[in-house]
C-alpha atoms as a PDB file:
ATOM      1  CA  UNK A   1     -40.069 108.049 -68.426  1.00  0.00           C
ATOM      2  CA  UNK A   2     -41.761 111.299 -67.303  1.00  0.00           C
ATOM      3  CA  UNK A   3     -44.984 110.018 -69.020  1.00  0.00           C
ATOM      4  CA  UNK A   4     -44.706 106.869 -66.801  1.00  0.00           C
ATOM      5  CA  UNK A   5     -44.322 108.480 -64.083  1.00  0.00           C
ATOM      6  CA  UNK A   6     -47.350 110.932 -64.487  1.00  0.00           C
ATOM      7  CA  UNK A   7     -49.543 107.903 -65.279  1.00  0.00           C
ATOM      8  CA  UNK A   8     -48.163 105.894 -62.408  1.00  0.00           C
ATOM      9  CA  UNK A   9     -48.716 108.577 -60.007  1.00  0.00           C
ATOM     10  CA  UNK A  10     -51.980 109.173 -61.533  1.00  0.00           C
ATOM     11  CA  UNK A  11     -52.987 105.656 -60.711  1.00  0.00           C
ATOM     12  CA  UNK A  12     -51.606 105.404 -57.103  1.00  0.00           C
ATOM     13  CA  UNK A  13     -53.722 108.630 -56.126  1.00  0.00           C
ATOM     14  CA  UNK A  14     -56.710 107.118 -57.478  1.00  0.00           C
ATOM     15  CA  UNK A  15     -55.903 104.061 -55.672  1.00  0.00           C
ATOM     16  CA  UNK A  16     -55.416 106.183 -52.447  1.00  0.00           C
ATOM     17  CA  UNK A  17     -58.732 107.910 -52.652  1.00  0.00           C
ATOM     18  CA  UNK A  18     -60.671 104.761 -53.372  1.00  0.00           C
ATOM     19  CA  UNK A  19     -58.906 103.366 -50.281  1.00  0.00           C
ATOM     20  CA  UNK A  20     -59.737 106.200 -48.490  1.00  0.00           C
ATOM     21  CA  UNK A  21     -63.432 106.158 -49.362  1.00  0.00           C
ATOM     22  CA  UNK A  22     -63.772 102.476 -48.681  1.00  0.00           C
ATOM     23  CA  UNK A  23     -62.466 103.033 -45.331  1.00  0.00           C
ATOM     24  CA  UNK A  24     -64.820 105.759 -44.478  1.00  0.00           C
ATOM     25  CA  UNK A  25     -67.543 103.906 -45.985  1.00  0.00           C
ATOM     26  CA  UNK A  26     -66.919 100.632 -43.580  1.00  0.00           C
ATOM     27  CA  UNK A  27     -66.399 103.016 -40.747  1.00  0.00           C
ATOM     28  CA  UNK A  28     -69.607 104.929 -41.172  1.00  0.00           C
ATOM     29  CA  UNK A  29     -71.674 101.765 -42.352  1.00  0.00           C
ATOM     30  CA  UNK A  30     -70.410 100.087 -39.137  1.00  0.00           C
ATOM     31  CA  UNK A  31     -71.562 102.752 -37.020  1.00  0.00           C
ATOM     32  CA  UNK A  32     -74.818 103.005 -38.286  1.00  0.00           C
ATOM     33  CA  UNK A  33     -75.707  99.399 -37.948  1.00  0.00           C
ATOM     34  CA  UNK A  34     -74.817  99.592 -34.393  1.00  0.00           C
ATOM     35  CA  UNK A  35     -76.964 102.420 -33.389  1.00  0.00           C
ATOM     36  CA  UNK A  36     -79.452 100.260 -31.565  1.00  0.00           C
ATOM     37  CA  UNK A  37     -76.428  98.853 -29.475  1.00  0.00           C
ATOM     38  CA  UNK A  38     -75.393 102.513 -28.645  1.00  0.00           C
ATOM     39  CA  UNK A  39     -78.861 103.256 -27.639  1.00  0.00           C
ATOM     40  CA  UNK A  40     -78.891 100.358 -24.949  1.00  0.00           C
ATOM     41  CA  UNK A  41     -75.515 101.211 -23.700  1.00  0.00           C
ATOM     42  CA  UNK A  42     -76.888 105.059 -23.066  1.00  0.00           C
ATOM     43  CA  UNK A  43     -80.113 103.640 -21.710  1.00  0.00           C
ATOM     44  CA  UNK A  44     -78.183 101.667 -18.714  1.00  0.00           C
ATOM     45  CA  UNK A  45     -75.850 104.727 -18.364  1.00  0.00           C
ATOM     46  CA  UNK A  46     -73.235 105.514 -20.755  1.00  0.00           C
ATOM     47  CA  UNK A  47     -72.030 108.921 -20.729  1.00  0.00           C
ATOM     48  CA  UNK A  48     -71.495 110.782 -23.845  1.00  0.00           C
ATOM     49  CA  UNK A  49     -67.771 110.880 -23.120  1.00  0.00           C
ATOM     50  CA  UNK A  50     -67.359 107.538 -22.094  1.00  0.00           C
ATOM     51  CA  UNK A  51     -69.291 106.627 -25.921  1.00  0.00           C
ATOM     52  CA  UNK A  52     -66.641 108.969 -27.643  1.00  0.00           C
ATOM     53  CA  UNK A  53     -64.007 107.461 -25.644  1.00  0.00           C
ATOM     54  CA  UNK A  54     -64.952 103.895 -26.697  1.00  0.00           C
ATOM     55  CA  UNK A  55     -65.287 105.264 -30.503  1.00  0.00           C
ATOM     56  CA  UNK A  56     -62.173 106.597 -30.283  1.00  0.00           C
ATOM     57  CA  UNK A  57     -60.344 103.722 -28.606  1.00  0.00           C
ATOM     58  CA  UNK A  58     -61.895 101.219 -31.680  1.00  0.00           C
ATOM     59  CA  UNK A  59     -60.709 103.674 -34.394  1.00  0.00           C
ATOM     60  CA  UNK A  60     -57.303 103.689 -32.549  1.00  0.00           C
ATOM     61  CA  UNK A  61     -57.203  99.786 -32.431  1.00  0.00           C
ATOM     62  CA  UNK A  62     -58.046  99.801 -36.402  1.00  0.00           C
ATOM     63  CA  UNK A  63     -55.339 102.465 -36.913  1.00  0.00           C
ATOM     64  CA  UNK A  64     -52.180 100.341 -34.857  1.00  0.00           C
ATOM     65  CA  UNK A  65     -53.458  97.118 -36.903  1.00  0.00           C
ATOM     66  CA  UNK A  66     -53.090  98.989 -40.353  1.00  0.00           C
ATOM     67  CA  UNK A  67     -49.920 100.682 -39.180  1.00  0.00           C
ATOM     68  CA  UNK A  68     -48.544  97.382 -38.043  1.00  0.00           C
ATOM     69  CA  UNK A  69     -49.533  95.756 -41.434  1.00  0.00           C
ATOM     70  CA  UNK A  70     -47.843  98.740 -43.363  1.00  0.00           C
ATOM     71  CA  UNK A  71     -44.703  98.624 -41.201  1.00  0.00           C
ATOM     72  CA  UNK A  72     -44.242  94.780 -41.745  1.00  0.00           C
ATOM     73  CA  UNK A  73     -45.855  93.288 -44.814  1.00  0.00           C
ATOM     74  CA  UNK A  74     -45.447  96.510 -46.615  1.00  0.00           C
ATOM     75  CA  UNK A  75     -41.725  97.471 -46.023  1.00  0.00           C
ATOM     76  CA  UNK A  76     -40.691  93.767 -46.529  1.00  0.00           C
ATOM     77  CA  UNK A  77     -42.917  94.169 -50.011  1.00  0.00           C
ATOM     78  CA  UNK A  78     -41.284  97.398 -50.846  1.00  0.00           C
ATOM     79  CA  UNK A  79     -37.762  96.031 -50.288  1.00  0.00           C
ATOM     80  CA  UNK A  80     -38.732  93.591 -52.558  1.00  0.00           C
ATOM     81  CA  UNK A  81     -39.449  95.754 -55.314  1.00  0.00           C
ATOM     82  CA  UNK A  82     -36.665  97.780 -54.569  1.00  0.00           C
ATOM     83  CA  UNK A  83     -34.262  94.725 -55.205  1.00  0.00           C
ATOM     84  CA  UNK A  84     -36.024  93.600 -58.193  1.00  0.00           C
ATOM     85  CA  UNK A  85     -36.036  97.099 -59.796  1.00  0.00           C
ATOM     86  CA  UNK A  86     -32.456  97.653 -59.165  1.00  0.00           C
ATOM     87  CA  UNK A  87     -31.824  94.207 -60.947  1.00  0.00           C
ATOM     88  CA  UNK A  88     -33.792  95.327 -63.991  1.00  0.00           C
ATOM     89  CA  UNK A  89     -33.153  98.470 -64.516  1.00  0.00           C
ATOM     90  CA  UNK A  90     -29.672 100.547 -64.203  1.00  0.00           C
ATOM     91  CA  UNK A  91     -31.167 103.547 -64.193  1.00  0.00           C
ATOM     92  CA  UNK A  92     -33.473 102.946 -61.234  1.00  0.00           C
ATOM     93  CA  UNK A  93     -33.084 104.844 -57.895  1.00  0.00           C
ATOM     94  CA  UNK A  94     -35.118 104.405 -55.048  1.00  0.00           C
ATOM     95  CA  UNK A  95     -36.307 106.750 -52.513  1.00  0.00           C
ATOM     96  CA  UNK A  96     -38.212 105.783 -49.193  1.00  0.00           C
ATOM     97  CA  UNK A  97     -41.809 107.355 -49.485  1.00  0.00           C
ATOM     98  CA  UNK A  98     -41.784 108.984 -46.146  1.00  0.00           C
ATOM     99  CA  UNK A  99     -44.035 112.008 -46.727  1.00  0.00           C
ATOM    100  CA  UNK A 100     -46.551 109.412 -48.802  1.00  0.00           C
ATOM    101  CA  UNK A 101     -46.639 107.103 -45.111  1.00  0.00           C
ATOM    102  CA  UNK A 102     -46.924 110.390 -43.248  1.00  0.00           C
ATOM    103  CA  UNK A 103     -49.883 111.402 -45.200  1.00  0.00           C
ATOM    104  CA  UNK A 104     -51.248 107.948 -45.171  1.00  0.00           C
ATOM    105  CA  UNK A 105     -50.888 108.104 -41.105  1.00  0.00           C
ATOM    106  CA  UNK A 106     -52.509 111.671 -41.010  1.00  0.00           C
ATOM    107  CA  UNK A 107     -55.360 110.886 -42.735  1.00  0.00           C
ATOM    108  CA  UNK A 108     -56.402 107.696 -41.089  1.00  0.00           C
ATOM    109  CA  UNK A 109     -55.911 109.483 -37.749  1.00  0.00           C
ATOM    110  CA  UNK A 110     -58.124 112.457 -39.157  1.00  0.00           C
ATOM    111  CA  UNK A 111     -60.691 110.158 -40.722  1.00  0.00           C
ATOM    112  CA  UNK A 112     -60.642 108.310 -37.026  1.00  0.00           C
ATOM    113  CA  UNK A 113     -61.260 111.723 -35.325  1.00  0.00           C
ATOM    114  CA  UNK A 114     -63.966 113.409 -37.543  1.00  0.00           C
ATOM    115  CA  UNK A 115     -66.093 109.981 -37.571  1.00  0.00           C
ATOM    116  CA  UNK A 116     -66.031 109.719 -33.903  1.00  0.00           C
ATOM    117  CA  UNK A 117     -66.743 113.278 -33.661  1.00  0.00           C
ATOM    118  CA  UNK A 118     -69.802 113.087 -36.315  1.00  0.00           C
ATOM    119  CA  UNK A 119     -71.207 109.830 -34.551  1.00  0.00           C
ATOM    120  CA  UNK A 120     -71.155 110.966 -31.029  1.00  0.00           C
ATOM    121  CA  UNK A 121     -72.939 114.196 -32.299  1.00  0.00           C
ATOM    122  CA  UNK A 122     -75.551 112.078 -34.233  1.00  0.00           C
ATOM    123  CA  UNK A 123     -76.457 109.968 -31.034  1.00  0.00           C
END
């Protein structure tokens, strides 16, 4: 059992890191492809503060979409897995992944702030 926990924990960490890397890649690629759009907005009078607020608002929208999916579809799936595992394994004990959820939320907010700050410094 200990070996399974270590193996599945390692797989979970690898998948989490891959997901964060993918998220960062998509956000940075999106920002770089919109560089011409940002230049046009600045030429017609958009200030740096407005640009930062716009980018932070877009990142916050994505964050809220991910959290909405996590707390609807993710929780329903988690409850389904809990019920299935309790029926199959008599020794199975379920613990809500509160720390993991908070860690994911914190990392997404951190990525949003860092990417917004980085992109606004580059433009």
